[in-house]
N, C-alpha and C. Protein backbone atom coordinates (compact mmCIF):
# COMPACT_ATOMS: atom_id res chain seq x y z
N MET A 1 87.36 115.08 115.52
CA MET A 1 88.60 115.62 116.10
C MET A 1 89.80 115.03 115.35
N PRO A 2 90.77 115.86 114.99
CA PRO A 2 91.95 115.35 114.29
C PRO A 2 92.85 114.55 115.23
N LEU A 3 93.59 113.63 114.66
CA LEU A 3 94.57 112.87 115.43
C LEU A 3 95.79 113.75 115.67
N THR A 4 96.21 113.87 116.92
CA THR A 4 97.36 114.72 117.24
C THR A 4 98.53 113.94 117.84
N HIS A 5 98.25 112.79 118.47
CA HIS A 5 99.27 112.01 119.17
C HIS A 5 99.10 110.53 118.84
N LEU A 6 100.20 109.86 118.50
CA LEU A 6 100.13 108.45 118.14
C LEU A 6 101.24 107.67 118.84
N LEU A 7 100.83 106.63 119.54
CA LEU A 7 101.72 105.75 120.29
C LEU A 7 101.79 104.41 119.57
N TYR A 8 103.02 103.87 119.43
CA TYR A 8 103.18 102.53 118.85
C TYR A 8 103.88 101.65 119.87
N LEU A 9 103.31 100.45 120.12
CA LEU A 9 103.86 99.52 121.10
C LEU A 9 104.25 98.21 120.42
N HIS A 10 105.51 97.86 120.54
CA HIS A 10 106.05 96.66 119.90
C HIS A 10 105.76 95.41 120.74
N GLY A 11 106.05 94.27 120.17
CA GLY A 11 105.77 92.99 120.81
C GLY A 11 106.93 92.44 121.63
N PHE A 12 106.73 91.22 122.13
CA PHE A 12 107.71 90.51 122.95
C PHE A 12 108.99 90.29 122.15
N ARG A 13 110.12 90.63 122.74
CA ARG A 13 111.45 90.51 122.13
C ARG A 13 111.65 91.48 120.97
N SER A 14 110.70 92.31 120.68
CA SER A 14 110.80 93.23 119.55
C SER A 14 111.34 94.58 120.03
N SER A 15 111.21 95.59 119.17
CA SER A 15 111.76 96.90 119.49
C SER A 15 111.17 97.95 118.54
N PRO A 16 111.51 99.22 118.76
CA PRO A 16 111.11 100.27 117.81
C PRO A 16 111.73 100.08 116.43
N GLN A 17 112.66 99.14 116.29
CA GLN A 17 113.28 98.86 114.99
C GLN A 17 112.51 97.81 114.19
N SER A 18 111.36 97.36 114.70
CA SER A 18 110.58 96.37 113.94
C SER A 18 110.13 96.98 112.61
N THR A 19 109.88 96.12 111.66
CA THR A 19 109.47 96.58 110.33
C THR A 19 108.21 97.43 110.40
N LYS A 20 107.19 96.95 111.15
CA LYS A 20 105.94 97.70 111.21
C LYS A 20 106.12 99.05 111.91
N ALA A 21 106.90 99.07 112.98
CA ALA A 21 107.15 100.34 113.69
C ALA A 21 107.85 101.33 112.77
N ARG A 22 108.84 100.86 112.01
CA ARG A 22 109.57 101.75 111.11
C ARG A 22 108.69 102.24 109.96
N LEU A 23 107.82 101.36 109.45
CA LEU A 23 106.90 101.77 108.39
C LEU A 23 105.92 102.83 108.91
N MET A 24 105.42 102.63 110.12
CA MET A 24 104.50 103.61 110.71
C MET A 24 105.21 104.94 110.93
N ALA A 25 106.43 104.89 111.47
CA ALA A 25 107.18 106.12 111.73
C ALA A 25 107.46 106.87 110.44
N ALA A 26 107.82 106.14 109.39
CA ALA A 26 108.10 106.77 108.10
C ALA A 26 106.84 107.42 107.53
N ARG A 27 105.70 106.77 107.69
CA ARG A 27 104.44 107.34 107.20
C ARG A 27 104.11 108.63 107.96
N VAL A 28 104.28 108.60 109.27
CA VAL A 28 104.02 109.80 110.07
C VAL A 28 104.94 110.94 109.61
N GLN A 29 106.22 110.66 109.47
CA GLN A 29 107.19 111.69 109.08
C GLN A 29 106.88 112.25 107.70
N ALA A 30 106.51 111.38 106.76
CA ALA A 30 106.28 111.82 105.38
C ALA A 30 104.95 112.54 105.18
N ARG A 31 103.90 112.05 105.82
CA ARG A 31 102.56 112.57 105.51
C ARG A 31 101.87 113.31 106.65
N HIS A 32 102.35 113.09 107.87
CA HIS A 32 101.69 113.71 109.04
C HIS A 32 102.74 114.28 109.98
N PRO A 33 103.58 115.21 109.50
CA PRO A 33 104.72 115.68 110.30
C PRO A 33 104.34 116.42 111.58
N THR A 34 103.11 116.90 111.68
CA THR A 34 102.70 117.59 112.91
C THR A 34 102.21 116.62 113.99
N LEU A 35 102.04 115.37 113.62
CA LEU A 35 101.56 114.35 114.56
C LEU A 35 102.67 114.01 115.55
N ARG A 36 102.35 114.00 116.82
CA ARG A 36 103.34 113.61 117.82
C ARG A 36 103.42 112.09 117.85
N TRP A 37 104.60 111.56 117.56
CA TRP A 37 104.83 110.11 117.43
C TRP A 37 105.72 109.64 118.58
N TRP A 38 105.34 108.52 119.20
CA TRP A 38 106.18 107.96 120.26
C TRP A 38 106.15 106.44 120.16
N CYS A 39 107.33 105.86 120.03
CA CYS A 39 107.47 104.40 119.96
C CYS A 39 108.59 104.01 120.93
N PRO A 40 108.26 103.78 122.20
CA PRO A 40 109.29 103.50 123.20
C PRO A 40 109.79 102.06 123.15
N GLN A 41 111.02 101.87 123.62
CA GLN A 41 111.54 100.51 123.86
C GLN A 41 110.93 100.07 125.19
N LEU A 42 110.18 98.97 125.16
CA LEU A 42 109.49 98.51 126.36
C LEU A 42 110.37 97.55 127.16
N PRO A 43 110.35 97.67 128.49
CA PRO A 43 111.12 96.74 129.33
C PRO A 43 110.44 95.38 129.38
N PRO A 44 111.16 94.33 129.82
CA PRO A 44 110.57 93.00 129.90
C PRO A 44 109.41 92.91 130.90
N SER A 45 109.46 93.71 131.96
CA SER A 45 108.40 93.68 132.97
C SER A 45 107.13 94.33 132.43
N PRO A 46 106.03 93.58 132.33
CA PRO A 46 104.77 94.17 131.87
C PRO A 46 104.30 95.32 132.76
N ARG A 47 104.49 95.18 134.07
CA ARG A 47 104.07 96.25 134.99
C ARG A 47 104.87 97.52 134.70
N GLN A 48 106.19 97.38 134.58
CA GLN A 48 107.02 98.54 134.29
C GLN A 48 106.72 99.12 132.91
N ALA A 49 106.45 98.24 131.94
CA ALA A 49 106.11 98.71 130.60
C ALA A 49 104.86 99.58 130.63
N MET A 50 103.82 99.10 131.31
CA MET A 50 102.57 99.86 131.35
C MET A 50 102.71 101.13 132.17
N GLU A 51 103.45 101.07 133.25
CA GLU A 51 103.67 102.28 134.05
C GLU A 51 104.38 103.35 133.22
N ALA A 52 105.40 102.94 132.47
CA ALA A 52 106.15 103.89 131.65
C ALA A 52 105.28 104.47 130.54
N VAL A 53 104.50 103.62 129.90
CA VAL A 53 103.65 104.08 128.80
C VAL A 53 102.58 105.03 129.32
N LEU A 54 101.91 104.66 130.40
CA LEU A 54 100.84 105.52 130.93
C LEU A 54 101.40 106.84 131.45
N ALA A 55 102.60 106.81 132.02
CA ALA A 55 103.23 108.07 132.44
C ALA A 55 103.57 108.92 131.22
N GLY A 56 104.01 108.28 130.14
CA GLY A 56 104.39 108.99 128.94
C GLY A 56 103.24 109.66 128.22
N VAL A 57 102.04 109.08 128.34
CA VAL A 57 100.86 109.66 127.67
C VAL A 57 99.94 110.40 128.64
N GLN A 58 100.41 110.57 129.85
CA GLN A 58 99.57 111.18 130.89
C GLN A 58 98.98 112.52 130.47
N ASP A 59 99.78 113.33 129.78
CA ASP A 59 99.31 114.67 129.38
C ASP A 59 98.78 114.72 127.96
N TRP A 60 98.68 113.56 127.30
CA TRP A 60 98.16 113.55 125.93
C TRP A 60 96.64 113.76 125.96
N PRO A 61 96.10 114.47 124.96
CA PRO A 61 94.65 114.67 124.90
C PRO A 61 93.93 113.37 124.52
N ARG A 62 93.06 112.91 125.38
CA ARG A 62 92.40 111.61 125.20
C ARG A 62 91.59 111.54 123.91
N GLU A 63 90.96 112.65 123.55
CA GLU A 63 90.07 112.63 122.38
C GLU A 63 90.81 112.67 121.06
N THR A 64 92.09 113.04 121.06
CA THR A 64 92.82 113.12 119.79
C THR A 64 94.09 112.25 119.78
N MET A 65 94.19 111.31 120.71
CA MET A 65 95.31 110.37 120.72
C MET A 65 94.83 109.00 120.27
N ALA A 66 95.77 108.17 119.83
CA ALA A 66 95.47 106.79 119.46
C ALA A 66 96.71 105.94 119.74
N VAL A 67 96.50 104.63 119.77
CA VAL A 67 97.59 103.70 120.03
C VAL A 67 97.53 102.56 119.01
N VAL A 68 98.69 102.12 118.57
CA VAL A 68 98.82 100.96 117.69
C VAL A 68 99.73 99.98 118.41
N GLY A 69 99.36 98.69 118.41
CA GLY A 69 100.21 97.71 119.05
C GLY A 69 100.22 96.40 118.28
N SER A 70 101.38 95.74 118.30
CA SER A 70 101.56 94.47 117.61
C SER A 70 101.86 93.36 118.60
N SER A 71 101.13 92.25 118.50
CA SER A 71 101.36 91.07 119.34
C SER A 71 101.21 91.44 120.82
N LEU A 72 102.25 91.28 121.63
CA LEU A 72 102.14 91.69 123.03
C LEU A 72 101.86 93.19 123.10
N GLY A 73 102.40 93.94 122.16
CA GLY A 73 102.09 95.37 122.10
C GLY A 73 100.62 95.63 121.82
N GLY A 74 99.95 94.70 121.11
CA GLY A 74 98.51 94.81 120.91
C GLY A 74 97.74 94.64 122.20
N PHE A 75 98.23 93.74 123.04
CA PHE A 75 97.64 93.59 124.38
C PHE A 75 97.86 94.87 125.19
N TYR A 76 99.10 95.38 125.17
CA TYR A 76 99.37 96.63 125.89
C TYR A 76 98.52 97.77 125.35
N ALA A 77 98.33 97.81 124.02
CA ALA A 77 97.49 98.85 123.42
C ALA A 77 96.06 98.75 123.94
N THR A 78 95.58 97.52 124.13
CA THR A 78 94.24 97.32 124.69
C THR A 78 94.18 97.89 126.11
N CYS A 79 95.24 97.69 126.89
CA CYS A 79 95.30 98.25 128.24
C CYS A 79 95.30 99.78 128.20
N VAL A 80 96.06 100.35 127.28
CA VAL A 80 96.09 101.81 127.14
C VAL A 80 94.71 102.33 126.77
N ALA A 81 94.05 101.66 125.84
CA ALA A 81 92.70 102.07 125.42
C ALA A 81 91.71 101.96 126.58
N ALA A 82 91.85 100.91 127.38
CA ALA A 82 90.96 100.75 128.54
C ALA A 82 91.18 101.89 129.53
N HIS A 83 92.41 102.33 129.68
CA HIS A 83 92.75 103.38 130.64
C HIS A 83 92.37 104.77 130.14
N THR A 84 92.56 105.01 128.84
CA THR A 84 92.38 106.36 128.30
C THR A 84 91.09 106.57 127.51
N GLY A 85 90.51 105.48 127.02
CA GLY A 85 89.34 105.60 126.16
C GLY A 85 89.69 105.94 124.72
N CYS A 86 90.98 105.92 124.38
CA CYS A 86 91.40 106.29 123.02
C CYS A 86 91.14 105.16 122.02
N ARG A 87 91.25 105.50 120.74
CA ARG A 87 91.14 104.51 119.68
C ARG A 87 92.40 103.66 119.63
N ALA A 88 92.26 102.43 119.13
CA ALA A 88 93.41 101.52 119.08
C ALA A 88 93.38 100.69 117.82
N VAL A 89 94.57 100.47 117.27
CA VAL A 89 94.76 99.52 116.16
C VAL A 89 95.58 98.37 116.70
N LEU A 90 95.10 97.16 116.50
CA LEU A 90 95.72 95.96 117.06
C LEU A 90 96.16 95.06 115.92
N LEU A 91 97.45 94.75 115.87
CA LEU A 91 98.03 93.94 114.80
C LEU A 91 98.38 92.57 115.38
N ASN A 92 97.60 91.56 115.03
CA ASN A 92 97.77 90.22 115.61
C ASN A 92 98.00 90.31 117.12
N PRO A 93 97.01 90.87 117.85
CA PRO A 93 97.21 91.12 119.27
C PRO A 93 97.23 89.85 120.12
N ALA A 94 98.08 89.84 121.12
CA ALA A 94 98.08 88.76 122.11
C ALA A 94 96.79 88.88 122.92
N VAL A 95 96.09 87.79 123.09
CA VAL A 95 94.82 87.79 123.80
C VAL A 95 94.98 87.21 125.21
N HIS A 96 95.78 86.18 125.34
CA HIS A 96 96.03 85.54 126.64
C HIS A 96 97.54 85.52 126.89
N PRO A 97 98.15 86.70 127.07
CA PRO A 97 99.61 86.74 127.16
C PRO A 97 100.19 86.00 128.36
N ALA A 98 99.49 86.00 129.49
CA ALA A 98 100.01 85.28 130.66
C ALA A 98 100.10 83.79 130.35
N ARG A 99 99.07 83.26 129.75
CA ARG A 99 99.07 81.84 129.37
C ARG A 99 100.16 81.54 128.34
N ASP A 100 100.19 82.34 127.29
CA ASP A 100 101.10 82.05 126.18
C ASP A 100 102.57 82.27 126.53
N LEU A 101 102.85 83.34 127.27
CA LEU A 101 104.25 83.65 127.58
C LEU A 101 104.78 82.86 128.77
N SER A 102 103.91 82.16 129.49
CA SER A 102 104.40 81.31 130.59
C SER A 102 105.32 80.22 130.06
N ARG A 103 105.20 79.92 128.77
CA ARG A 103 106.08 78.92 128.14
C ARG A 103 107.44 79.50 127.76
N HIS A 104 107.60 80.81 127.97
CA HIS A 104 108.83 81.48 127.54
C HIS A 104 109.62 82.06 128.71
N ILE A 105 109.39 81.53 129.90
CA ILE A 105 110.18 81.96 131.06
C ILE A 105 111.63 81.55 130.83
N GLY A 106 112.53 82.50 131.04
CA GLY A 106 113.95 82.22 130.83
C GLY A 106 114.64 83.40 130.17
N GLU A 107 115.87 83.18 129.72
CA GLU A 107 116.66 84.24 129.09
C GLU A 107 116.39 84.29 127.58
N HIS A 108 116.32 85.51 127.08
CA HIS A 108 116.04 85.73 125.65
C HIS A 108 116.97 86.80 125.10
N SER A 109 117.07 86.83 123.78
CA SER A 109 117.77 87.93 123.11
C SER A 109 116.73 88.71 122.30
N GLY A 110 117.06 89.97 122.04
CA GLY A 110 116.17 90.80 121.24
C GLY A 110 116.23 90.41 119.77
N TRP A 111 115.12 90.55 119.06
CA TRP A 111 115.07 90.22 117.63
C TRP A 111 116.01 91.10 116.84
N HIS A 112 116.00 92.39 117.16
CA HIS A 112 116.72 93.36 116.33
C HIS A 112 118.12 93.66 116.84
N ASP A 113 118.42 93.18 118.05
CA ASP A 113 119.76 93.33 118.61
C ASP A 113 120.04 92.09 119.46
N PRO A 114 120.56 91.04 118.83
CA PRO A 114 120.81 89.79 119.56
C PRO A 114 121.74 89.94 120.76
N ALA A 115 122.53 91.01 120.79
CA ALA A 115 123.41 91.25 121.93
C ALA A 115 122.61 91.71 123.15
N GLN A 116 121.41 92.22 122.89
CA GLN A 116 120.55 92.65 123.99
C GLN A 116 119.87 91.41 124.58
N ARG A 117 120.18 91.14 125.85
CA ARG A 117 119.62 89.95 126.49
C ARG A 117 118.77 90.38 127.67
N PHE A 118 117.72 89.60 127.95
CA PHE A 118 116.87 89.88 129.11
C PHE A 118 116.30 88.57 129.62
N VAL A 119 115.83 88.61 130.85
CA VAL A 119 115.23 87.43 131.48
C VAL A 119 113.75 87.70 131.69
N PHE A 120 112.93 86.78 131.20
CA PHE A 120 111.49 86.85 131.40
C PHE A 120 111.16 85.86 132.52
N THR A 121 110.46 86.33 133.55
CA THR A 121 110.29 85.55 134.78
C THR A 121 108.83 85.18 135.06
N ALA A 122 108.65 84.32 136.04
CA ALA A 122 107.31 83.96 136.50
C ALA A 122 106.59 85.19 137.07
N GLU A 123 107.36 86.09 137.67
CA GLU A 123 106.77 87.34 138.19
C GLU A 123 106.19 88.17 137.04
N HIS A 124 106.87 88.17 135.90
CA HIS A 124 106.36 88.90 134.74
C HIS A 124 105.04 88.29 134.26
N VAL A 125 104.93 86.98 134.32
CA VAL A 125 103.68 86.32 133.94
C VAL A 125 102.56 86.74 134.90
N ALA A 126 102.88 86.82 136.19
CA ALA A 126 101.89 87.26 137.18
C ALA A 126 101.45 88.71 136.90
N GLU A 127 102.40 89.54 136.48
CA GLU A 127 102.07 90.93 136.13
C GLU A 127 101.11 90.97 134.95
N LEU A 128 101.30 90.08 133.98
CA LEU A 128 100.39 90.01 132.84
C LEU A 128 98.99 89.62 133.28
N ARG A 129 98.88 88.71 134.25
CA ARG A 129 97.55 88.30 134.74
C ARG A 129 96.79 89.50 135.31
N VAL A 130 97.50 90.34 136.05
CA VAL A 130 96.88 91.55 136.61
C VAL A 130 96.42 92.48 135.48
N LEU A 131 97.28 92.66 134.49
CA LEU A 131 96.92 93.54 133.38
C LEU A 131 95.77 92.99 132.55
N GLU A 132 95.64 91.67 132.47
CA GLU A 132 94.54 91.08 131.71
C GLU A 132 93.20 91.52 132.29
N GLN A 133 93.13 91.68 133.60
CA GLN A 133 91.89 92.14 134.23
C GLN A 133 91.59 93.58 133.82
N ALA A 134 92.63 94.42 133.77
CA ALA A 134 92.44 95.81 133.36
C ALA A 134 92.03 95.91 131.90
N ALA A 135 92.62 95.07 131.06
CA ALA A 135 92.35 95.11 129.62
C ALA A 135 90.91 94.72 129.30
N ALA A 136 90.31 93.93 130.18
CA ALA A 136 88.94 93.45 129.94
C ALA A 136 87.94 94.59 129.84
N ALA A 137 88.27 95.77 130.40
CA ALA A 137 87.34 96.90 130.40
C ALA A 137 87.38 97.72 129.11
N ALA A 138 88.28 97.39 128.21
CA ALA A 138 88.43 98.19 126.98
C ALA A 138 87.19 98.12 126.10
N ASP A 139 86.86 99.26 125.49
CA ASP A 139 85.73 99.35 124.55
C ASP A 139 86.20 98.90 123.16
N THR A 140 85.85 97.68 122.78
CA THR A 140 86.34 97.14 121.52
C THR A 140 85.72 97.82 120.30
N ALA A 141 84.66 98.60 120.50
CA ALA A 141 84.03 99.31 119.38
C ALA A 141 84.92 100.42 118.85
N ARG A 142 85.90 100.84 119.63
CA ARG A 142 86.81 101.92 119.21
C ARG A 142 88.15 101.36 118.74
N MET A 143 88.10 100.12 118.22
CA MET A 143 89.33 99.44 117.82
C MET A 143 89.23 98.90 116.41
N PHE A 144 90.40 98.74 115.81
CA PHE A 144 90.54 98.13 114.50
C PHE A 144 91.56 97.02 114.64
N ALA A 145 91.17 95.79 114.37
CA ALA A 145 92.06 94.65 114.50
C ALA A 145 92.43 94.10 113.13
N VAL A 146 93.73 93.96 112.90
CA VAL A 146 94.24 93.31 111.70
C VAL A 146 94.74 91.95 112.16
N VAL A 147 94.06 90.90 111.70
CA VAL A 147 94.31 89.54 112.20
C VAL A 147 94.62 88.61 111.03
N ALA A 148 95.73 87.89 111.14
CA ALA A 148 96.13 86.97 110.08
C ALA A 148 95.78 85.53 110.46
N LYS A 149 95.02 84.88 109.59
CA LYS A 149 94.72 83.46 109.81
C LYS A 149 95.99 82.61 109.77
N GLY A 150 97.02 83.11 109.08
CA GLY A 150 98.27 82.37 108.96
C GLY A 150 99.24 82.62 110.11
N ASP A 151 98.79 83.33 111.16
CA ASP A 151 99.67 83.60 112.30
C ASP A 151 100.13 82.27 112.89
N GLU A 152 101.46 82.10 112.92
CA GLU A 152 102.03 80.85 113.41
C GLU A 152 102.28 80.86 114.92
N VAL A 153 102.01 81.99 115.58
CA VAL A 153 102.26 82.13 117.02
C VAL A 153 100.97 82.18 117.82
N LEU A 154 100.01 82.96 117.34
CA LEU A 154 98.75 83.17 118.06
C LEU A 154 97.57 82.64 117.24
N ASP A 155 96.51 82.25 117.94
CA ASP A 155 95.31 81.69 117.30
C ASP A 155 94.40 82.83 116.83
N TRP A 156 94.21 82.93 115.53
CA TRP A 156 93.40 84.02 114.98
C TRP A 156 91.96 83.97 115.50
N ARG A 157 91.44 82.78 115.80
CA ARG A 157 90.06 82.68 116.29
C ARG A 157 89.92 83.34 117.66
N GLU A 158 90.94 83.20 118.50
CA GLU A 158 90.91 83.86 119.81
C GLU A 158 90.95 85.38 119.66
N MET A 159 91.74 85.85 118.70
CA MET A 159 91.83 87.30 118.48
C MET A 159 90.48 87.86 118.02
N VAL A 160 89.87 87.19 117.07
CA VAL A 160 88.58 87.67 116.55
C VAL A 160 87.53 87.65 117.65
N ALA A 161 87.50 86.59 118.46
CA ALA A 161 86.52 86.48 119.54
C ALA A 161 86.74 87.54 120.62
N ARG A 162 87.99 87.92 120.86
CA ARG A 162 88.31 88.88 121.94
C ARG A 162 87.85 90.29 121.59
N TYR A 163 87.77 90.62 120.30
CA TYR A 163 87.43 91.98 119.88
C TYR A 163 86.16 91.97 119.04
N PRO A 164 85.03 91.58 119.64
CA PRO A 164 83.80 91.34 118.86
C PRO A 164 83.23 92.58 118.19
N GLN A 165 83.43 93.76 118.75
CA GLN A 165 82.84 94.97 118.17
C GLN A 165 83.84 95.76 117.34
N ALA A 166 85.07 95.29 117.27
CA ALA A 166 86.10 96.03 116.54
C ALA A 166 85.89 95.93 115.03
N ARG A 167 86.33 96.95 114.33
CA ARG A 167 86.45 96.84 112.88
C ARG A 167 87.52 95.76 112.66
N LEU A 168 87.27 94.86 111.73
CA LEU A 168 88.16 93.71 111.56
C LEU A 168 88.66 93.61 110.13
N ARG A 169 89.97 93.42 109.99
CA ARG A 169 90.55 93.07 108.69
C ARG A 169 91.16 91.69 108.88
N LEU A 170 90.46 90.67 108.40
CA LEU A 170 90.90 89.29 108.56
C LEU A 170 91.66 88.87 107.31
N LEU A 171 92.94 88.57 107.49
CA LEU A 171 93.80 88.19 106.38
C LEU A 171 93.78 86.68 106.22
N GLU A 172 93.55 86.21 105.03
CA GLU A 172 93.42 84.78 104.79
C GLU A 172 94.72 84.01 105.06
N GLY A 173 95.84 84.60 104.75
CA GLY A 173 97.12 83.93 104.97
C GLY A 173 97.99 84.74 105.90
N SER A 174 99.07 85.30 105.35
CA SER A 174 100.01 86.13 106.07
C SER A 174 100.69 85.35 107.18
N ASP A 175 101.18 86.05 108.20
CA ASP A 175 101.95 85.42 109.27
C ASP A 175 101.89 86.31 110.51
N HIS A 176 102.60 85.90 111.57
CA HIS A 176 102.54 86.67 112.82
C HIS A 176 103.06 88.09 112.63
N ALA A 177 104.08 88.24 111.82
CA ALA A 177 104.68 89.56 111.59
C ALA A 177 103.85 90.44 110.65
N ILE A 178 102.81 89.86 110.03
CA ILE A 178 102.04 90.54 108.98
C ILE A 178 103.02 91.09 107.94
N SER A 179 103.72 90.18 107.30
CA SER A 179 104.78 90.55 106.35
C SER A 179 104.28 91.47 105.24
N GLY A 180 103.01 91.38 104.89
CA GLY A 180 102.45 92.25 103.86
C GLY A 180 101.90 93.55 104.42
N PHE A 181 102.39 93.99 105.58
CA PHE A 181 101.83 95.18 106.24
C PHE A 181 101.73 96.41 105.34
N PRO A 182 102.69 96.66 104.42
CA PRO A 182 102.54 97.83 103.55
C PRO A 182 101.21 97.87 102.78
N GLU A 183 100.63 96.69 102.54
CA GLU A 183 99.34 96.62 101.84
C GLU A 183 98.19 97.13 102.70
N TYR A 184 98.37 97.16 104.02
CA TYR A 184 97.27 97.49 104.93
C TYR A 184 97.49 98.81 105.67
N ILE A 185 98.65 99.44 105.47
CA ILE A 185 98.94 100.65 106.25
C ILE A 185 97.99 101.79 105.91
N ASP A 186 97.53 101.86 104.66
CA ASP A 186 96.55 102.91 104.31
C ASP A 186 95.27 102.73 105.11
N GLU A 187 94.82 101.49 105.24
CA GLU A 187 93.60 101.22 106.00
C GLU A 187 93.79 101.54 107.48
N VAL A 188 94.98 101.27 108.01
CA VAL A 188 95.28 101.61 109.40
C VAL A 188 95.19 103.12 109.61
N PHE A 189 95.80 103.89 108.72
CA PHE A 189 95.77 105.34 108.88
C PHE A 189 94.38 105.92 108.61
N GLU A 190 93.65 105.29 107.71
CA GLU A 190 92.27 105.73 107.48
C GLU A 190 91.47 105.63 108.78
N PHE A 191 91.62 104.53 109.51
CA PHE A 191 90.94 104.36 110.79
C PHE A 191 91.43 105.39 111.80
N LEU A 192 92.76 105.54 111.89
CA LEU A 192 93.34 106.45 112.88
C LEU A 192 92.91 107.90 112.65
N LEU A 193 92.85 108.30 111.39
CA LEU A 193 92.56 109.71 111.07
C LEU A 193 91.07 110.01 110.99
N ALA A 194 90.25 108.98 111.07
CA ALA A 194 88.80 109.18 110.94
C ALA A 194 88.21 109.95 112.12
N GLY A 195 88.88 109.89 113.26
CA GLY A 195 88.42 110.64 114.44
C GLY A 195 87.25 110.01 115.14
């Protein structure tokens, strides 16, 4: 089945203006103009983020849709895949977001718009705990994980262990942002378009 719908989910403090999101959008526009592309700005609340995303893809065809997510967006992508059964590409995905983000309770600014401020709360951490249970049901065999050993934010060993059946591209160095992403975008689209 051909890919008809593609969702991209950004990470914590990130936005649709992230480098990887813009590279993906440009690739879709240049080479796959009939593909329906959606990269929403996600709210700080994980519950609200997932509700909005699932409502947005409610009418998408499960067999021809896919999701790509980076960092916290990779965790959200896992939740979407668990809910829809679609294929997923995970870019340095957060594996234990409730644990990791509990250290970031407080006020933050957006990476791409420092004037944009938001508060991340203990309630948001609790919402992540609930979503972690839902994400556990995801079929990792329908996933492709791009994991950097040089990730300075997340532990690559946890990522690899969390997605045991996924196709894996393990990068020896790199970083959390996967700065060399243009080198791997062909492989990402090869997986997405394989059906």
